[in-house]
PDB file of all heavy atoms in Angstrom:
ATOM      1  N   SER A   1     204.170 233.648  66.253  1.00  0.00           N
ATOM      2  CA  SER A   1     203.224 233.115  67.235  1.00  0.00           C
ATOM      3  C   SER A   1     203.991 232.569  68.430  1.00  0.00           C
ATOM      4  O   SER A   1     205.105 232.069  68.313  1.00  0.00           O
ATOM      5  CB  SER A   1     202.350 232.024  66.617  1.00  0.00           C
ATOM      6  OG  SER A   1     203.126 230.910  66.263  1.00  0.00           O
ATOM      7  N   ARG A   2     203.350 232.682  69.585  1.00  0.00           N
ATOM      8  CA  ARG A   2     203.909 232.166  70.824  1.00  0.00           C
ATOM      9  C   ARG A   2     202.815 231.347  71.498  1.00  0.00           C
ATOM     10  O   ARG A   2     201.693 231.807  71.659  1.00  0.00           O
ATOM     11  CB  ARG A   2     204.353 233.295  71.742  1.00  0.00           C
ATOM     12  CG  ARG A   2     204.763 232.789  73.137  1.00  0.00           C
ATOM     13  CD  ARG A   2     205.288 233.874  73.995  1.00  0.00           C
ATOM     14  NE  ARG A   2     206.638 234.148  73.510  1.00  0.00           N
ATOM     15  CZ  ARG A   2     207.390 235.144  73.940  1.00  0.00           C
ATOM     16  NH1 ARG A   2     206.915 235.978  74.830  1.00  0.00           N
ATOM     17  NH2 ARG A   2     208.599 235.310  73.472  1.00  0.00           N
ATOM     18  N   GLU A   3     203.169 230.137  71.884  1.00  0.00           N
ATOM     19  CA  GLU A   3     202.215 229.250  72.546  1.00  0.00           C
ATOM     20  C   GLU A   3     202.789 228.842  73.892  1.00  0.00           C
ATOM     21  O   GLU A   3     203.928 228.396  73.991  1.00  0.00           O
ATOM     22  CB  GLU A   3     201.984 228.008  71.685  1.00  0.00           C
ATOM     23  CG  GLU A   3     200.988 227.054  72.250  1.00  0.00           C
ATOM     24  CD  GLU A   3     200.756 225.874  71.332  1.00  0.00           C
ATOM     25  OE1 GLU A   3     200.837 226.024  70.110  1.00  0.00           O
ATOM     26  OE2 GLU A   3     200.510 224.787  71.869  1.00  0.00           O
ATOM     27  N   GLN A   4     201.978 229.010  74.931  1.00  0.00           N
ATOM     28  CA  GLN A   4     202.399 228.632  76.270  1.00  0.00           C
ATOM     29  C   GLN A   4     201.444 227.564  76.794  1.00  0.00           C
ATOM     30  O   GLN A   4     200.232 227.716  76.706  1.00  0.00           O
ATOM     31  CB  GLN A   4     202.396 229.830  77.221  1.00  0.00           C
ATOM     32  CG  GLN A   4     203.462 230.841  76.906  1.00  0.00           C
ATOM     33  CD  GLN A   4     203.488 231.977  77.909  1.00  0.00           C
ATOM     34  OE1 GLN A   4     202.489 232.273  78.541  1.00  0.00           O
ATOM     35  NE2 GLN A   4     204.643 232.603  78.048  1.00  0.00           N
ATOM     36  N   THR A   5     202.016 226.497  77.314  1.00  0.00           N
ATOM     37  CA  THR A   5     201.252 225.398  77.867  1.00  0.00           C
ATOM     38  C   THR A   5     201.683 225.188  79.308  1.00  0.00           C
ATOM     39  O   THR A   5     202.874 225.154  79.600  1.00  0.00           O
ATOM     40  CB  THR A   5     201.503 224.107  77.061  1.00  0.00           C
ATOM     41  OG1 THR A   5     201.223 224.361  75.692  1.00  0.00           O
ATOM     42  CG2 THR A   5     200.621 222.986  77.548  1.00  0.00           C
ATOM     43  N   GLU A   6     200.702 225.062  80.177  1.00  0.00           N
ATOM     44  CA  GLU A   6     200.998 224.862  81.588  1.00  0.00           C
ATOM     45  C   GLU A   6     200.341 223.573  82.054  1.00  0.00           C
ATOM     46  O   GLU A   6     199.172 223.324  81.781  1.00  0.00           O
ATOM     47  CB  GLU A   6     200.468 226.037  82.405  1.00  0.00           C
ATOM     48  CG  GLU A   6     200.811 225.960  83.864  1.00  0.00           C
ATOM     49  CD  GLU A   6     200.381 227.209  84.621  1.00  0.00           C
ATOM     50  OE1 GLU A   6     199.832 228.122  84.001  1.00  0.00           O
ATOM     51  OE2 GLU A   6     200.603 227.250  85.828  1.00  0.00           O
ATOM     52  N   LEU A   7     201.097 222.742  82.739  1.00  0.00           N
ATOM     53  CA  LEU A   7     200.593 221.495  83.292  1.00  0.00           C
ATOM     54  C   LEU A   7     200.364 221.689  84.779  1.00  0.00           C
ATOM     55  O   LEU A   7     201.268 222.058  85.521  1.00  0.00           O
ATOM     56  CB  LEU A   7     201.583 220.353  83.064  1.00  0.00           C
ATOM     57  CG  LEU A   7     201.227 219.018  83.700  1.00  0.00           C
ATOM     58  CD1 LEU A   7     199.953 218.457  83.081  1.00  0.00           C
ATOM     59  CD2 LEU A   7     202.377 218.050  83.553  1.00  0.00           C
ATOM     60  N   VAL A   8     199.127 221.446  85.196  1.00  0.00           N
ATOM     61  CA  VAL A   8     198.767 221.577  86.602  1.00  0.00           C
ATOM     62  C   VAL A   8     198.297 220.211  87.091  1.00  0.00           C
ATOM     63  O   VAL A   8     197.445 219.584  86.473  1.00  0.00           O
ATOM     64  CB  VAL A   8     197.645 222.618  86.802  1.00  0.00           C
ATOM     65  CG1 VAL A   8     197.218 222.694  88.252  1.00  0.00           C
ATOM     66  CG2 VAL A   8     198.097 223.967  86.299  1.00  0.00           C
ATOM     67  N   ILE A   9     198.865 219.743  88.176  1.00  0.00           N
ATOM     68  CA  ILE A   9     198.471 218.473  88.768  1.00  0.00           C
ATOM     69  C   ILE A   9     197.735 218.774  90.062  1.00  0.00           C
ATOM     70  O   ILE A   9     198.267 219.434  90.948  1.00  0.00           O
ATOM     71  CB  ILE A   9     199.708 217.588  89.027  1.00  0.00           C
ATOM     72  CG1 ILE A   9     200.409 217.286  87.712  1.00  0.00           C
ATOM     73  CG2 ILE A   9     199.298 216.317  89.751  1.00  0.00           C
ATOM     74  CD1 ILE A   9     201.702 216.542  87.865  1.00  0.00           C
ATOM     75  N   VAL A  10     196.499 218.288  90.158  1.00  0.00           N
ATOM     76  CA  VAL A  10     195.672 218.516  91.331  1.00  0.00           C
ATOM     77  C   VAL A  10     195.567 217.196  92.084  1.00  0.00           C
ATOM     78  O   VAL A  10     195.216 216.167  91.515  1.00  0.00           O
ATOM     79  CB  VAL A  10     194.266 219.013  90.929  1.00  0.00           C
ATOM     80  CG1 VAL A  10     193.397 219.203  92.156  1.00  0.00           C
ATOM     81  CG2 VAL A  10     194.380 220.303  90.135  1.00  0.00           C
ATOM     82  N   VAL A  11     195.876 217.226  93.360  1.00  0.00           N
ATOM     83  CA  VAL A  11     195.830 216.033  94.200  1.00  0.00           C
ATOM     84  C   VAL A  11     194.712 216.215  95.220  1.00  0.00           C
ATOM     85  O   VAL A  11     194.641 217.237  95.897  1.00  0.00           O
ATOM     86  CB  VAL A  11     197.181 215.818  94.919  1.00  0.00           C
ATOM     87  CG1 VAL A  11     197.112 214.634  95.851  1.00  0.00           C
ATOM     88  CG2 VAL A  11     198.298 215.664  93.905  1.00  0.00           C
ATOM     89  N   THR A  12     193.842 215.219  95.291  1.00  0.00           N
ATOM     90  CA  THR A  12     192.771 215.239  96.268  1.00  0.00           C
ATOM     91  C   THR A  12     193.050 214.161  97.303  1.00  0.00           C
ATOM     92  O   THR A  12     193.044 212.976  96.977  1.00  0.00           O
ATOM     93  CB  THR A  12     191.414 214.974  95.590  1.00  0.00           C
ATOM     94  OG1 THR A  12     191.223 215.928  94.555  1.00  0.00           O
ATOM     95  CG2 THR A  12     190.287 215.064  96.599  1.00  0.00           C
ATOM     96  N   PRO A  13     193.318 214.549  98.542  1.00  0.00           N
ATOM     97  CA  PRO A  13     193.581 213.526  99.568  1.00  0.00           C
ATOM     98  C   PRO A  13     192.285 212.818  99.957  1.00  0.00           C
ATOM     99  O   PRO A  13     191.213 213.408  99.957  1.00  0.00           O
ATOM    100  CB  PRO A  13     194.147 214.323 100.733  1.00  0.00           C
ATOM    101  CG  PRO A  13     193.601 215.694 100.546  1.00  0.00           C
ATOM    102  CD  PRO A  13     193.428 215.889  99.072  1.00  0.00           C
ATOM    103  N   LEU A  14     192.412 211.550 100.265  1.00  0.00           N
ATOM    104  CA  LEU A  14     191.275 210.748 100.702  1.00  0.00           C
ATOM    105  C   LEU A  14     191.652 210.113 102.033  1.00  0.00           C
ATOM    106  O   LEU A  14     192.603 209.341 102.116  1.00  0.00           O
ATOM    107  CB  LEU A  14     190.955 209.672  99.659  1.00  0.00           C
ATOM    108  CG  LEU A  14     189.824 208.719  99.994  1.00  0.00           C
ATOM    109  CD1 LEU A  14     188.499 209.480 100.059  1.00  0.00           C
ATOM    110  CD2 LEU A  14     189.745 207.630  98.943  1.00  0.00           C
ATOM    111  N   LEU A  15     190.930 210.488 103.065  1.00  0.00           N
ATOM    112  CA  LEU A  15     191.206 209.950 104.390  1.00  0.00           C
ATOM    113  C   LEU A  15     190.412 208.665 104.579  1.00  0.00           C
ATOM    114  O   LEU A  15     189.223 208.604 104.279  1.00  0.00           O
ATOM    115  CB  LEU A  15     190.819 210.961 105.469  1.00  0.00           C
ATOM    116  CG  LEU A  15     191.543 212.304 105.388  1.00  0.00           C
ATOM    117  CD1 LEU A  15     191.017 213.247 106.450  1.00  0.00           C
ATOM    118  CD2 LEU A  15     193.039 212.114 105.520  1.00  0.00           C
ATOM    119  N   VAL A  16     191.079 207.633 105.067  1.00  0.00           N
ATOM    120  CA  VAL A  16     190.438 206.346 105.260  1.00  0.00           C
ATOM    121  C   VAL A  16     190.574 205.926 106.717  1.00  0.00           C
ATOM    122  O   VAL A  16     191.446 206.409 107.438  1.00  0.00           O
ATOM    123  CB  VAL A  16     191.043 205.259 104.342  1.00  0.00           C
ATOM    124  CG1 VAL A  16     190.801 205.602 102.890  1.00  0.00           C
ATOM    125  CG2 VAL A  16     192.522 205.102 104.600  1.00  0.00           C
ATOM    126  N   ARG A  17     189.716 205.010 107.131  1.00  0.00           N
ATOM    127  CA  ARG A  17     189.804 204.479 108.481  1.00  0.00           C
ATOM    128  C   ARG A  17     190.857 203.375 108.526  1.00  0.00           C
ATOM    129  O   ARG A  17     190.936 202.562 107.608  1.00  0.00           O
ATOM    130  CB  ARG A  17     188.468 203.901 108.907  1.00  0.00           C
ATOM    131  CG  ARG A  17     187.398 204.956 109.152  1.00  0.00           C
ATOM    132  CD  ARG A  17     186.080 204.275 109.419  1.00  0.00           C
ATOM    133  NE  ARG A  17     185.750 203.634 108.137  1.00  0.00           N
ATOM    134  CZ  ARG A  17     185.105 202.490 107.986  1.00  0.00           C
ATOM    135  NH1 ARG A  17     184.684 201.825 108.981  1.00  0.00           N
ATOM    136  NH2 ARG A  17     184.848 201.984 106.826  1.00  0.00           N
ATOM    137  N   PRO A  18     191.639 203.303 109.583  1.00  0.00           N
ATOM    138  CA  PRO A  18     192.598 202.197 109.688  1.00  0.00           C
ATOM    139  C   PRO A  18     191.863 200.887 109.980  1.00  0.00           C
ATOM    140  O   PRO A  18     190.775 200.885 110.553  1.00  0.00           O
ATOM    141  CB  PRO A  18     193.486 202.608 110.853  1.00  0.00           C
ATOM    142  CG  PRO A  18     192.680 203.578 111.626  1.00  0.00           C
ATOM    143  CD  PRO A  18     191.749 204.253 110.663  1.00  0.00           C
ATOM    144  N   VAL A  19     192.466 199.788 109.565  1.00  0.00           N
ATOM    145  CA  VAL A  19     191.875 198.478 109.833  1.00  0.00           C
ATOM    146  C   VAL A  19     192.700 197.767 110.894  1.00  0.00           C
ATOM    147  O   VAL A  19     193.905 197.983 111.014  1.00  0.00           O
ATOM    148  CB  VAL A  19     191.808 197.619 108.554  1.00  0.00           C
ATOM    149  CG1 VAL A  19     190.868 198.228 107.551  1.00  0.00           C
ATOM    150  CG2 VAL A  19     193.173 197.427 107.943  1.00  0.00           C
ATOM    151  N   ARG A  20     192.033 196.940 111.660  1.00  0.00           N
ATOM    152  CA  ARG A  20     192.730 196.194 112.705  1.00  0.00           C
ATOM    153  C   ARG A  20     193.409 194.955 112.133  1.00  0.00           C
ATOM    154  O   ARG A  20     194.453 194.544 112.585  1.00  0.00           O
ATOM    155  CB  ARG A  20     191.760 195.783 113.804  1.00  0.00           C
ATOM    156  CG  ARG A  20     191.184 196.955 114.549  1.00  0.00           C
ATOM    157  CD  ARG A  20     190.250 196.467 115.649  1.00  0.00           C
ATOM    158  NE  ARG A  20     189.508 197.574 116.227  1.00  0.00           N
ATOM    159  CZ  ARG A  20     189.920 198.286 117.250  1.00  0.00           C
ATOM    160  NH1 ARG A  20     191.076 198.017 117.794  1.00  0.00           N
ATOM    161  NH2 ARG A  20     189.191 199.272 117.712  1.00  0.00           N
ATOM    162  N   ASN A  21     192.792 194.342 111.147  1.00  0.00           N
ATOM    163  CA  ASN A  21     193.298 193.099 110.585  1.00  0.00           C
ATOM    164  C   ASN A  21     193.671 193.343 109.117  1.00  0.00           C
ATOM    165  O   ASN A  21     192.845 193.802 108.333  1.00  0.00           O
ATOM    166  CB  ASN A  21     192.233 192.001 110.691  1.00  0.00           C
ATOM    167  CG  ASN A  21     192.747 190.658 110.240  1.00  0.00           C
ATOM    168  OD1 ASN A  21     193.908 190.523 109.862  1.00  0.00           O
ATOM    169  ND2 ASN A  21     191.875 189.672 110.296  1.00  0.00           N
ATOM    170  N   ILE A  22     194.890 193.029 108.750  1.00  0.00           N
ATOM    171  CA  ILE A  22     195.343 193.266 107.374  1.00  0.00           C
ATOM    172  C   ILE A  22     194.573 192.413 106.374  1.00  0.00           C
ATOM    173  O   ILE A  22     194.484 192.749 105.196  1.00  0.00           O
ATOM    174  CB  ILE A  22     196.865 193.037 107.262  1.00  0.00           C
ATOM    175  CG1 ILE A  22     197.419 193.596 105.947  1.00  0.00           C
ATOM    176  CG2 ILE A  22     197.208 191.583 107.319  1.00  0.00           C
ATOM    177  CD1 ILE A  22     197.996 194.923 106.064  1.00  0.00           C
ATOM    178  N   ALA A  23     193.966 191.309 106.825  1.00  0.00           N
ATOM    179  CA  ALA A  23     193.197 190.441 105.933  1.00  0.00           C
ATOM    180  C   ALA A  23     191.910 191.113 105.468  1.00  0.00           C
ATOM    181  O   ALA A  23     191.288 190.663 104.514  1.00  0.00           O
ATOM    182  CB  ALA A  23     192.888 189.122 106.626  1.00  0.00           C
ATOM    183  N   GLN A  24     191.487 192.189 106.136  1.00  0.00           N
ATOM    184  CA  GLN A  24     190.279 192.910 105.727  1.00  0.00           C
ATOM    185  C   GLN A  24     190.498 193.738 104.467  1.00  0.00           C
ATOM    186  O   GLN A  24     189.538 194.116 103.811  1.00  0.00           O
ATOM    187  CB  GLN A  24     189.812 193.838 106.847  1.00  0.00           C
ATOM    188  CG  GLN A  24     189.295 193.127 108.073  1.00  0.00           C
ATOM    189  CD  GLN A  24     188.936 194.128 109.155  1.00  0.00           C
ATOM    190  OE1 GLN A  24     189.595 195.156 109.302  1.00  0.00           O
ATOM    191  NE2 GLN A  24     187.891 193.816 109.906  1.00  0.00           N
ATOM    192  N   LEU A  25     191.731 194.030 104.136  1.00  0.00           N
ATOM    193  CA  LEU A  25     192.014 194.851 102.970  1.00  0.00           C
ATOM    194  C   LEU A  25     191.822 194.041 101.695  1.00  0.00           C
ATOM    195  O   LEU A  25     192.220 192.886 101.611  1.00  0.00           O
ATOM    196  CB  LEU A  25     193.448 195.388 103.024  1.00  0.00           C
ATOM    197  CG  LEU A  25     193.762 196.303 104.195  1.00  0.00           C
ATOM    198  CD1 LEU A  25     195.225 196.697 104.165  1.00  0.00           C
ATOM    199  CD2 LEU A  25     192.895 197.538 104.142  1.00  0.00           C
ATOM    200  N   GLN A  26     191.189 194.651 100.713  1.00  0.00           N
ATOM    201  CA  GLN A  26     190.949 194.007  99.431  1.00  0.00           C
ATOM    202  C   GLN A  26     191.241 194.982  98.320  1.00  0.00           C
ATOM    203  O   GLN A  26     191.123 196.199  98.490  1.00  0.00           O
ATOM    204  CB  GLN A  26     189.507 193.545  99.313  1.00  0.00           C
ATOM    205  CG  GLN A  26     189.119 192.456 100.262  1.00  0.00           C
ATOM    206  CD  GLN A  26     187.669 192.042 100.060  1.00  0.00           C
ATOM    207  OE1 GLN A  26     186.962 192.633  99.261  1.00  0.00           O
ATOM    208  NE2 GLN A  26     187.237 191.039 100.789  1.00  0.00           N
ATOM    209  N   ILE A  27     191.596 194.447  97.176  1.00  0.00           N
ATOM    210  CA  ILE A  27     191.730 195.256  95.971  1.00  0.00           C
ATOM    211  C   ILE A  27     190.617 194.851  95.019  1.00  0.00           C
ATOM    212  O   ILE A  27     190.022 193.780  95.175  1.00  0.00           O
ATOM    213  CB  ILE A  27     193.125 195.086  95.321  1.00  0.00           C
ATOM    214  CG1 ILE A  27     193.358 193.647  94.894  1.00  0.00           C
ATOM    215  CG2 ILE A  27     194.222 195.549  96.259  1.00  0.00           C
ATOM    216  CD1 ILE A  27     194.618 193.464  94.075  1.00  0.00           C
ATOM    217  N   PRO A  28     190.285 195.671  94.032  1.00  0.00           N
ATOM    218  CA  PRO A  28     189.166 195.347  93.150  1.00  0.00           C
ATOM    219  C   PRO A  28     189.327 194.027  92.398  1.00  0.00           C
ATOM    220  O   PRO A  28     188.346 193.412  92.026  1.00  0.00           O
ATOM    221  CB  PRO A  28     189.136 196.527  92.177  1.00  0.00           C
ATOM    222  CG  PRO A  28     189.743 197.639  92.925  1.00  0.00           C
ATOM    223  CD  PRO A  28     190.785 197.015  93.803  1.00  0.00           C
ATOM    224  N   ALA A  29     190.545 193.562  92.179  1.00  0.00           N
ATOM    225  CA  ALA A  29     190.746 192.337  91.410  1.00  0.00           C
ATOM    226  C   ALA A  29     190.733 191.081  92.273  1.00  0.00           C
ATOM    227  O   ALA A  29     190.892 189.985  91.737  1.00  0.00           O
ATOM    228  CB  ALA A  29     192.065 192.421  90.646  1.00  0.00           C
ATOM    229  N   ASP A  30     190.540 191.198  93.576  1.00  0.00           N
ATOM    230  CA  ASP A  30     190.470 190.016  94.430  1.00  0.00           C
ATOM    231  C   ASP A  30     189.283 189.157  94.024  1.00  0.00           C
ATOM    232  O   ASP A  30     188.167 189.637  93.897  1.00  0.00           O
ATOM    233  CB  ASP A  30     190.342 190.400  95.900  1.00  0.00           C
ATOM    234  CG  ASP A  30     191.652 190.847  96.506  1.00  0.00           C
ATOM    235  OD1 ASP A  30     192.692 190.642  95.851  1.00  0.00           O
ATOM    236  OD2 ASP A  30     191.638 191.388  97.622  1.00  0.00           O
ATOM    237  N   GLY A  31     189.515 187.880  93.819  1.00  0.00           N
ATOM    238  CA  GLY A  31     188.445 186.960  93.461  1.00  0.00           C
ATOM    239  C   GLY A  31     188.088 186.962  91.989  1.00  0.00           C
ATOM    240  O   GLY A  31     187.176 186.259  91.575  1.00  0.00           O
ATOM    241  N   TYR A  32     188.768 187.726  91.173  1.00  0.00           N
ATOM    242  CA  TYR A  32     188.463 187.776  89.747  1.00  0.00           C
ATOM    243  C   TYR A  32     189.025 186.553  89.047  1.00  0.00           C
ATOM    244  O   TYR A  32     190.169 186.174  89.248  1.00  0.00           O
ATOM    245  CB  TYR A  32     189.054 189.039  89.120  1.00  0.00           C
ATOM    246  CG  TYR A  32     188.918 189.073  87.614  1.00  0.00           C
ATOM    247  CD1 TYR A  32     187.683 189.277  87.029  1.00  0.00           C
ATOM    248  CD2 TYR A  32     190.019 188.897  86.794  1.00  0.00           C
ATOM    249  CE1 TYR A  32     187.546 189.302  85.665  1.00  0.00           C
ATOM    250  CE2 TYR A  32     189.897 188.917  85.430  1.00  0.00           C
ATOM    251  CZ  TYR A  32     188.659 189.123  84.867  1.00  0.00           C
ATOM    252  OH  TYR A  32     188.529 189.141  83.507  1.00  0.00           O
TER     253      TYR A  32
END
């Protein structure tokens, strides 16, 4: 028997708007 395994990594780019003030950026754990 011969077994072949292939690993494929798919990257989806996400374009975001730039912010003027760095204080506007938040992570999900802020305030937790």
